[in-house]
Protein backbone atom coordinates (compact mmCIF):
# COMPACT_ATOMS: atom_id res chain seq x y z
CA UNK A 1 -85.13 -40.55 19.32
CA UNK A 2 -86.06 -37.02 18.29
CA UNK A 3 -89.61 -35.68 18.34
CA UNK A 4 -89.80 -35.55 14.55
CA UNK A 5 -88.50 -39.11 14.18
CA UNK A 6 -91.02 -40.38 16.69
CA UNK A 7 -94.06 -38.78 15.11
CA UNK A 8 -93.15 -39.66 11.53
CA UNK A 9 -92.34 -43.31 12.27
CA UNK A 10 -94.83 -45.88 10.97
CA UNK A 11 -97.67 -46.97 13.20
CA UNK A 12 -96.88 -49.76 15.61
CA UNK A 13 -98.43 -53.16 15.13
CA UNK A 14 -102.17 -53.06 15.77
CA UNK A 15 -102.16 -54.76 19.18
CA UNK A 16 -99.59 -52.33 20.60
CA UNK A 17 -101.31 -49.25 19.18
CA UNK A 18 -104.70 -50.45 20.40
CA UNK A 19 -103.37 -51.17 23.88
CA UNK A 20 -101.79 -47.74 24.22
CA UNK A 21 -104.91 -45.98 22.99
CA UNK A 22 -107.12 -47.95 25.36
CA UNK A 23 -104.93 -47.49 28.41
CA UNK A 24 -104.53 -43.78 27.88
CA UNK A 25 -108.29 -43.27 27.80
CA UNK A 26 -109.80 -45.93 30.06
CA UNK A 27 -109.55 -43.78 33.19
CA UNK A 28 -111.55 -40.95 31.60
CA UNK A 29 -113.37 -39.08 34.34
CA UNK A 30 -111.61 -40.88 37.20
CA UNK A 31 -108.70 -38.53 37.89
CA UNK A 32 -109.41 -34.96 38.94
CA UNK A 33 -108.76 -32.52 36.12
CA UNK A 34 -105.98 -30.01 36.65
CA UNK A 35 -107.05 -26.35 36.85
CA UNK A 36 -106.64 -24.24 33.74
CA UNK A 37 -104.63 -21.56 35.55
CA UNK A 38 -102.02 -21.99 38.25
CA UNK A 39 -103.16 -20.72 41.67
CA UNK A 40 -101.69 -17.33 42.51
CA UNK A 41 -100.51 -16.51 38.99
CA UNK A 42 -101.74 -14.51 36.04
CA UNK A 43 -100.79 -15.87 32.61
CA UNK A 44 -101.39 -12.51 30.90
CA UNK A 45 -101.25 -8.90 32.12
CA UNK A 46 -104.36 -7.62 33.87
CA UNK A 47 -106.95 -6.21 31.54
CA UNK A 48 -105.95 -8.24 28.48
CA UNK A 49 -107.63 -11.27 27.00
CA UNK A 50 -106.48 -14.00 24.71
CA UNK A 51 -107.93 -13.63 21.22
CA UNK A 52 -109.37 -16.72 19.63
CA UNK A 53 -107.90 -16.02 16.21
CA UNK A 54 -106.01 -13.51 14.06
CA UNK A 55 -106.17 -9.83 14.97
CA UNK A 56 -106.08 -6.67 12.93
CA UNK A 57 -108.14 -5.14 10.11
CA UNK A 58 -110.10 -7.54 7.97
CA UNK A 59 -109.60 -10.60 10.17
CA UNK A 60 -113.13 -11.06 11.57
CA UNK A 61 -114.01 -13.66 8.96
CA UNK A 62 -110.76 -15.51 9.61
CA UNK A 63 -111.49 -15.64 13.34
CA UNK A 64 -114.97 -17.04 12.71
CA UNK A 65 -113.59 -19.66 10.32
CA UNK A 66 -110.90 -20.61 12.80
CA UNK A 67 -113.44 -21.12 15.58
CA UNK A 68 -115.56 -23.30 13.31
CA UNK A 69 -112.53 -25.34 12.31
CA UNK A 70 -111.61 -25.99 15.94
CA UNK A 71 -115.22 -26.71 16.95
CA UNK A 72 -116.73 -29.01 14.31
CA UNK A 73 -120.50 -29.46 14.34
CA UNK A 74 -120.79 -27.11 17.31
CA UNK A 75 -119.27 -29.63 19.71
CA UNK A 76 -118.70 -28.52 23.27
CA UNK A 77 -115.19 -28.65 24.74
CA UNK A 78 -116.14 -31.73 26.80
CA UNK A 79 -117.40 -33.51 23.68
CA UNK A 80 -114.25 -32.68 21.72
CA UNK A 81 -112.12 -33.87 24.62
CA UNK A 82 -113.74 -37.30 24.87
CA UNK A 83 -110.66 -38.96 23.36
CA UNK A 84 -108.01 -36.88 25.17
CA UNK A 85 -105.76 -39.09 27.30
CA UNK A 86 -106.63 -38.89 30.96
CA UNK A 87 -103.39 -37.53 32.31
CA UNK A 88 -103.33 -34.97 35.11
CA UNK A 89 -102.61 -31.87 33.07
CA UNK A 90 -104.21 -28.46 32.55
CA UNK A 91 -106.28 -27.82 29.43
CA UNK A 92 -104.83 -25.62 26.71
CA UNK A 93 -105.51 -21.90 27.22
CA UNK A 94 -106.27 -21.25 23.57
CA UNK A 95 -106.57 -22.91 20.21
CA UNK A 96 -106.10 -20.63 17.21
CA UNK A 97 -105.78 -22.86 14.13
CA UNK A 98 -105.17 -19.96 11.76
CA UNK A 99 -102.26 -18.69 13.85
CA UNK A 100 -100.83 -22.20 14.11
CA UNK A 101 -100.99 -22.66 10.34
CA UNK A 102 -99.28 -19.33 9.73
CA UNK A 103 -96.41 -20.21 12.04
CA UNK A 104 -96.13 -23.70 10.57
CA UNK A 105 -96.00 -22.39 6.99
CA UNK A 106 -93.16 -20.01 7.85
CA UNK A 107 -91.35 -22.75 9.77
CA UNK A 108 -91.40 -25.06 6.76
CA UNK A 109 -90.16 -22.22 4.53
CA UNK A 110 -87.30 -21.58 6.94
CA UNK A 111 -86.36 -25.27 7.08
CA UNK A 112 -86.09 -25.19 3.29
CA UNK A 113 -83.91 -22.07 3.41
CA UNK A 114 -81.39 -23.45 5.90
CA UNK A 115 -81.36 -26.92 4.33
CA UNK A 116 -82.55 -29.20 7.10
CA UNK A 117 -84.74 -32.14 6.09
CA UNK A 118 -84.08 -31.57 2.39
CA UNK A 119 -86.47 -33.74 0.42
CA UNK A 120 -88.48 -34.43 3.58
CA UNK A 121 -90.24 -31.14 4.17
CA UNK A 122 -93.56 -32.91 3.91
CA UNK A 123 -92.65 -34.57 7.22
CA UNK A 124 -91.93 -31.20 8.80
CA UNK A 125 -95.21 -29.76 7.56
CA UNK A 126 -97.20 -32.81 8.71
CA UNK A 127 -95.62 -32.63 12.16
CA UNK A 128 -97.29 -29.21 12.54
CA UNK A 129 -94.83 -27.71 15.00
CA UNK A 130 -96.42 -24.33 14.33
CA UNK A 131 -99.52 -25.61 16.09
CA UNK A 132 -97.38 -26.80 19.00
CA UNK A 133 -95.86 -23.32 19.39
CA UNK A 134 -99.30 -21.70 19.18
CA UNK A 135 -100.76 -24.01 21.84
CA UNK A 136 -97.78 -24.03 24.18
CA UNK A 137 -97.13 -20.26 24.17
CA UNK A 138 -100.56 -18.64 24.63
CA UNK A 139 -98.91 -15.56 26.15
CA UNK A 140 -98.40 -13.99 22.71
CA UNK A 141 -100.35 -13.58 19.49
CA UNK A 142 -97.29 -12.49 17.50
CA UNK A 143 -96.54 -15.10 14.82
CA UNK A 144 -92.94 -13.95 14.48
CA UNK A 145 -92.18 -14.54 18.17
CA UNK A 146 -93.76 -17.97 17.90
CA UNK A 147 -91.72 -18.59 14.75
CA UNK A 148 -88.50 -17.67 16.56
CA UNK A 149 -89.27 -20.25 19.25
CA UNK A 150 -90.22 -22.80 16.61
CA UNK A 151 -86.96 -22.31 14.71
CA UNK A 152 -84.91 -22.96 17.84
CA UNK A 153 -86.93 -26.07 18.66
CA UNK A 154 -86.77 -27.53 15.16
CA UNK A 155 -83.01 -26.90 14.97
CA UNK A 156 -82.53 -28.74 18.27
CA UNK A 157 -84.61 -31.70 17.10
CA UNK A 158 -82.76 -31.74 13.77
CA UNK A 159 -79.52 -32.06 15.75
CA UNK A 160 -80.91 -35.22 17.31
CA UNK A 161 -82.01 -36.64 13.96
CA UNK A 162 -78.89 -35.82 11.98
CA UNK A 163 -76.32 -36.75 14.59
CA UNK A 164 -77.99 -39.30 16.87
CA UNK A 165 -80.81 -41.21 15.22
CA UNK A 166 -81.04 -41.16 11.44
CA UNK A 167 -78.25 -42.90 9.54
CA UNK A 168 -79.77 -41.78 6.21
CA UNK A 169 -78.72 -38.19 6.98
CA UNK A 170 -75.31 -38.97 8.42
CA UNK A 171 -75.79 -40.21 11.96
CA UNK A 172 -72.81 -42.32 13.10
CA UNK A 173 -72.24 -43.29 16.74
CA UNK A 174 -68.47 -42.78 16.58
CA UNK A 175 -68.96 -39.18 15.37
CA UNK A 176 -71.63 -38.15 17.86
CA UNK A 177 -69.39 -36.29 20.29
CA UNK A 178 -67.58 -34.42 17.52
CA UNK A 179 -70.86 -33.48 15.84
CA UNK A 180 -72.44 -32.22 19.05
CA UNK A 181 -69.36 -30.14 19.86
CA UNK A 182 -69.55 -28.46 16.47
CA UNK A 183 -73.30 -27.98 16.84
CA UNK A 184 -72.87 -26.21 20.16
CA UNK A 185 -70.26 -23.93 18.59
CA UNK A 186 -73.02 -22.74 16.24
CA UNK A 187 -74.90 -21.37 19.26
CA UNK A 188 -71.90 -20.09 21.23
CA UNK A 189 -69.39 -18.97 18.58
CA UNK A 190 -65.74 -19.91 18.83
CA UNK A 191 -63.38 -16.90 18.62
CA UNK A 192 -60.29 -18.02 16.74
CA UNK A 193 -57.11 -16.28 15.61
CA UNK A 194 -57.58 -14.54 12.26
CA UNK A 195 -55.60 -17.17 10.36
CA UNK A 196 -58.03 -19.96 11.30
CA UNK A 197 -61.33 -18.08 11.40
CA UNK A 198 -62.22 -18.51 7.67
CA UNK A 199 -61.81 -22.29 7.81
CA UNK A 200 -63.95 -22.43 10.93
CA UNK A 201 -66.64 -20.35 9.30
CA UNK A 202 -66.68 -22.70 6.31
CA UNK A 203 -67.26 -25.59 8.73
CA UNK A 204 -70.16 -23.74 10.29
CA UNK A 205 -71.77 -23.02 6.92
CA UNK A 206 -71.21 -26.47 5.45
CA UNK A 207 -73.67 -28.31 7.67
CA UNK A 208 -77.43 -27.57 7.61
CA UNK A 209 -77.87 -28.34 11.31
CA UNK A 210 -75.24 -25.77 12.29
CA UNK A 211 -76.80 -23.26 9.91
CA UNK A 212 -80.22 -23.91 11.47
CA UNK A 213 -78.96 -23.57 15.04
CA UNK A 214 -77.24 -20.29 14.26
CA UNK A 215 -80.19 -18.93 12.32
CA UNK A 216 -82.68 -19.85 15.01
CA UNK A 217 -80.66 -18.16 17.73
CA UNK A 218 -80.16 -15.06 15.59
CA UNK A 219 -83.91 -14.75 15.13
CA UNK A 220 -84.55 -15.23 18.84
CA UNK A 221 -82.00 -12.54 19.68
CA UNK A 222 -84.34 -9.96 18.13
CA UNK A 223 -86.59 -10.44 21.16
CA UNK A 224 -84.32 -11.83 23.88
CA UNK A 225 -82.06 -10.05 26.34
CA UNK A 226 -78.48 -11.28 26.54
CA UNK A 227 -79.21 -13.14 29.78
CA UNK A 228 -82.08 -14.98 28.10
CA UNK A 229 -79.88 -15.99 25.17
CA UNK A 230 -77.26 -17.23 27.64
CA UNK A 231 -79.98 -19.22 29.42
CA UNK A 232 -80.95 -20.93 26.18
CA UNK A 233 -77.32 -21.74 25.38
CA UNK A 234 -77.00 -23.42 28.76
CA UNK A 235 -80.16 -25.47 28.28
CA UNK A 236 -79.08 -26.52 24.77
CA UNK A 237 -75.68 -27.60 26.11
CA UNK A 238 -77.45 -29.75 28.72
CA UNK A 239 -79.74 -31.15 26.02
CA UNK A 240 -76.72 -32.15 23.95
CA UNK A 241 -75.30 -33.98 26.97
CA UNK A 242 -78.56 -35.92 27.02
CA UNK A 243 -78.17 -36.74 23.33
CA UNK A 244 -74.70 -38.08 24.04
CA UNK A 245 -75.95 -40.16 26.96
CA UNK A 246 -78.66 -41.81 24.87
CA UNK A 247 -76.15 -42.39 22.09
CA UNK A 248 -73.92 -44.21 24.57
CA UNK A 249 -76.80 -46.42 25.68
CA UNK A 250 -77.64 -47.27 22.10
CA UNK A 251 -74.09 -48.00 20.96
CA UNK A 252 -73.51 -50.51 23.77
CA UNK A 253 -77.04 -51.94 23.86
CA UNK A 254 -77.67 -50.72 27.39
CA UNK A 255 -81.19 -50.48 28.83
CA UNK A 256 -81.12 -47.97 31.73
CA UNK A 257 -82.92 -48.47 34.99
CA UNK A 258 -86.02 -46.39 35.67
CA UNK A 259 -84.22 -43.98 37.99
CA UNK A 260 -81.44 -43.46 35.44
CA UNK A 261 -83.92 -42.94 32.63
CA UNK A 262 -85.97 -40.38 34.57
CA UNK A 263 -82.83 -38.42 35.43
CA UNK A 264 -81.95 -38.56 31.73
CA UNK A 265 -85.39 -37.28 30.78
CA UNK A 266 -84.75 -34.17 32.86
CA UNK A 267 -81.86 -33.20 30.61
CA UNK A 268 -83.08 -34.71 27.33
CA UNK A 269 -86.40 -32.90 27.47
CA UNK A 270 -88.46 -29.96 26.27
CA UNK A 271 -86.63 -27.68 28.73
CA UNK A 272 -84.95 -25.51 26.04
CA UNK A 273 -88.44 -24.81 24.66
CA UNK A 274 -89.94 -24.10 28.08
CA UNK A 275 -87.00 -21.81 28.93
CA UNK A 276 -88.19 -19.42 26.20
CA UNK A 277 -91.53 -18.79 27.92
CA UNK A 278 -90.69 -15.21 28.89
CA UNK A 279 -88.91 -14.40 25.62
CA UNK A 280 -91.98 -15.38 23.63
CA UNK A 281 -94.20 -13.57 26.12
CA UNK A 282 -92.29 -10.31 25.77
CA UNK A 283 -90.82 -9.93 29.25
CA UNK A 284 -87.70 -11.12 31.08
CA UNK A 285 -87.46 -13.33 34.15
CA UNK A 286 -84.40 -12.17 36.11
CA UNK A 287 -81.49 -14.57 35.79
CA UNK A 288 -81.18 -14.83 39.57
CA UNK A 289 -84.75 -16.05 39.88
CA UNK A 290 -84.42 -18.55 37.03
CA UNK A 291 -81.29 -19.93 38.71
CA UNK A 292 -82.91 -20.16 42.17
CA UNK A 293 -82.75 -23.87 43.18
CA UNK A 294 -86.47 -23.88 44.03
CA UNK A 295 -87.38 -22.46 40.64
CA UNK A 296 -84.98 -24.82 38.93
CA UNK A 297 -86.57 -27.80 40.69
CA UNK A 298 -90.06 -26.72 39.67
CA UNK A 299 -89.22 -25.98 36.03
CA UNK A 300 -87.17 -29.13 35.46
CA UNK A 301 -89.96 -31.18 37.02
CA UNK A 302 -92.40 -29.68 34.52
CA UNK A 303 -89.98 -30.31 31.65
CA UNK A 304 -89.65 -33.98 32.59
CA UNK A 305 -93.41 -34.39 32.82
CA UNK A 306 -93.97 -32.75 29.43
CA UNK A 307 -91.45 -35.08 27.80
CA UNK A 308 -93.07 -38.15 29.34
CA UNK A 309 -96.23 -37.12 27.47
CA UNK A 310 -94.23 -37.66 24.29
CA UNK A 311 -92.99 -41.01 25.61
CA UNK A 312 -96.57 -42.17 26.15
CA UNK A 313 -97.99 -40.97 22.85
CA UNK A 314 -95.06 -42.27 20.84
CA UNK A 315 -95.86 -45.79 21.99
CA UNK A 316 -98.37 -45.89 19.12
CA UNK A 317 -95.48 -45.53 16.65
CA UNK A 318 -92.98 -48.15 15.52
CA UNK A 319 -89.51 -46.71 15.98
CA UNK A 320 -87.47 -47.39 12.89
CA UNK A 321 -84.00 -46.50 14.17
CA UNK A 322 -81.46 -49.23 14.76
CA UNK A 323 -80.39 -50.48 18.14
CA UNK A 324 -82.11 -50.18 21.53
CA UNK A 325 -85.05 -47.81 21.74
CA UNK A 326 -86.08 -45.94 24.86
CA UNK A 327 -89.24 -44.62 26.44
CA UNK A 328 -90.50 -44.81 30.00
CA UNK A 329 -93.02 -47.66 29.55
CA UNK A 330 -90.36 -49.84 27.90
CA UNK A 331 -87.85 -49.10 30.64
CA UNK A 332 -90.40 -49.86 33.37
CA UNK A 333 -91.47 -53.09 31.69
CA UNK A 334 -87.84 -54.21 31.44
CA UNK A 335 -86.92 -53.38 35.04
CA UNK A 336 -90.12 -54.48 36.77
CA UNK A 337 -90.87 -57.45 34.48
CA UNK A 338 -94.44 -56.28 34.14
CA UNK A 339 -96.95 -56.24 31.30
CA UNK A 340 -97.17 -53.37 28.79
CA UNK A 341 -100.51 -52.42 30.36
CA UNK A 342 -98.97 -52.11 33.82
CA UNK A 343 -95.95 -50.22 32.46
CA UNK A 344 -98.11 -47.63 30.69
CA UNK A 345 -100.31 -47.18 33.76
CA UNK A 346 -97.22 -46.74 35.95
CA UNK A 347 -95.80 -44.21 33.47
CA UNK A 348 -99.03 -42.21 33.61
CA UNK A 349 -98.86 -42.23 37.41
CA UNK A 350 -95.29 -40.92 37.31
CA UNK A 351 -96.32 -38.17 34.90
CA UNK A 352 -99.19 -37.15 37.17
CA UNK A 353 -96.96 -37.13 40.25
CA UNK A 354 -94.53 -34.78 38.52
CA UNK A 355 -97.27 -32.41 37.33
CA UNK A 356 -98.78 -32.24 40.80
CA UNK A 357 -95.33 -31.59 42.25
CA UNK A 358 -94.81 -28.68 39.85
CA UNK A 359 -98.28 -27.35 40.64
CA UNK A 360 -97.59 -27.31 44.38
CA UNK A 361 -94.06 -25.91 44.13
CA UNK A 362 -95.01 -23.23 41.63
CA UNK A 363 -98.01 -22.11 43.67
CA UNK A 364 -95.74 -21.72 46.72
CA UNK A 365 -93.12 -19.81 44.72
CA UNK A 366 -95.79 -17.49 43.35
CA UNK A 367 -96.56 -16.27 46.87
CA UNK A 368 -93.15 -14.63 47.30
CA UNK A 369 -91.73 -14.35 43.80
CA UNK A 370 -91.60 -11.36 41.51
CA UNK A 371 -94.43 -10.55 39.08
CA UNK A 372 -92.17 -11.87 36.31
CA UNK A 373 -91.74 -15.17 38.14
CA UNK A 374 -95.49 -15.54 38.66
CA UNK A 375 -96.05 -14.92 34.97
CA UNK A 376 -93.27 -17.34 34.00
CA UNK A 377 -94.65 -20.13 36.19
CA UNK A 378 -98.10 -19.54 34.76
CA UNK A 379 -96.54 -19.77 31.31
CA UNK A 380 -94.91 -23.10 32.15
CA UNK A 381 -98.29 -24.39 33.37
CA UNK A 382 -99.82 -23.24 30.09
CA UNK A 383 -96.97 -24.96 28.21
CA UNK A 384 -97.89 -28.25 29.88
CA UNK A 385 -101.48 -27.89 28.73
CA UNK A 386 -100.60 -26.86 25.19
CA UNK A 387 -98.05 -29.66 24.85
CA UNK A 388 -100.56 -32.30 25.95
CA UNK A 389 -103.25 -30.84 23.67
CA UNK A 390 -100.89 -30.96 20.67
CA UNK A 391 -99.94 -34.57 21.34
CA UNK A 392 -103.53 -35.67 21.96
CA UNK A 393 -104.85 -33.93 18.84
CA UNK A 394 -102.11 -34.76 16.38
CA UNK A 395 -103.18 -37.28 13.71
CA UNK A 396 -99.54 -38.40 13.65
CA UNK A 397 -100.10 -40.01 17.05
CA UNK A 398 -103.79 -40.80 16.95
CA UNK A 399 -104.30 -42.27 13.47
CA UNK A 400 -103.80 -45.75 14.93
């Protein structure tokens, strides 16, 4: 199920929601907190500092208002974090509500322009993906760069909704492979003989998901080198394989084993978003370093962990799609015949193991890697913290 579907689903029955909330907070103070910055890395260039709000002439008042909005009644960070789930994860590097709102407003406008979620834009606005981009990419203060990343992410999640999950917008299991093939062609254009090119272009323009995918990539290309665009295409192709795999499970009523599900979560994950860390930050990680098996292991481990955060938080929502539903606690409970409490605790342990593995591997890579690699790994660490902060602070998950 896509991120938007999960967060806009109705709240689960009270006992389930209460259990999840309790189990995600009852270890508060027991586990050691993860450090804010990754050892041996620098998230931003030396001599610069992250602003706490908008920059430029006339924005002092906006920065003060933003700080007040994010710190009600003068609460300290520890006080505000009292309800944050106790997962091993770094804290967010910044929280700039005004910047998040600006990105979110533009993202909703863009969704309206390309036609995705027509009649449901209130769901897009409430999801507040602009805030997610602001929290997860603290390496830039440029709202347009954050918007470019947000467009790509929302187009990818719309692909999941329209083709995999939501029958009200055309999802049909027997068409999934065909739809995903056409969707990928929107990111990596087909080059046809002249006679057939107009018909193909009409196909591309007739579907809002394809329009969104193309538009998002076009915007990103303003900031990305060709190797970075190629990297994103690869990660999107892998993501679409994951969509197809989950569609196969659902169509035949198959519940995967834990090992199969975790491997699936590596490819059906936030990796396409994380892969844009350097593009949003305004630098380029060399393709050879990104493809290094050690780097790949570290980054995919982080991507899996970040997606398990969504698995855990979405347990407070009742998934409305038909057929079998999937998240790690459900898969563990099915395979190990354990209680929901035990399954959630085991899921949290798996998340923490993956985050610690990334922390150790990334710190080792930073010792010998390029300055760009150190900055990229620091950005991935910051992405983990921003992602967890967004999930833990979103009323869409915590209203229960």
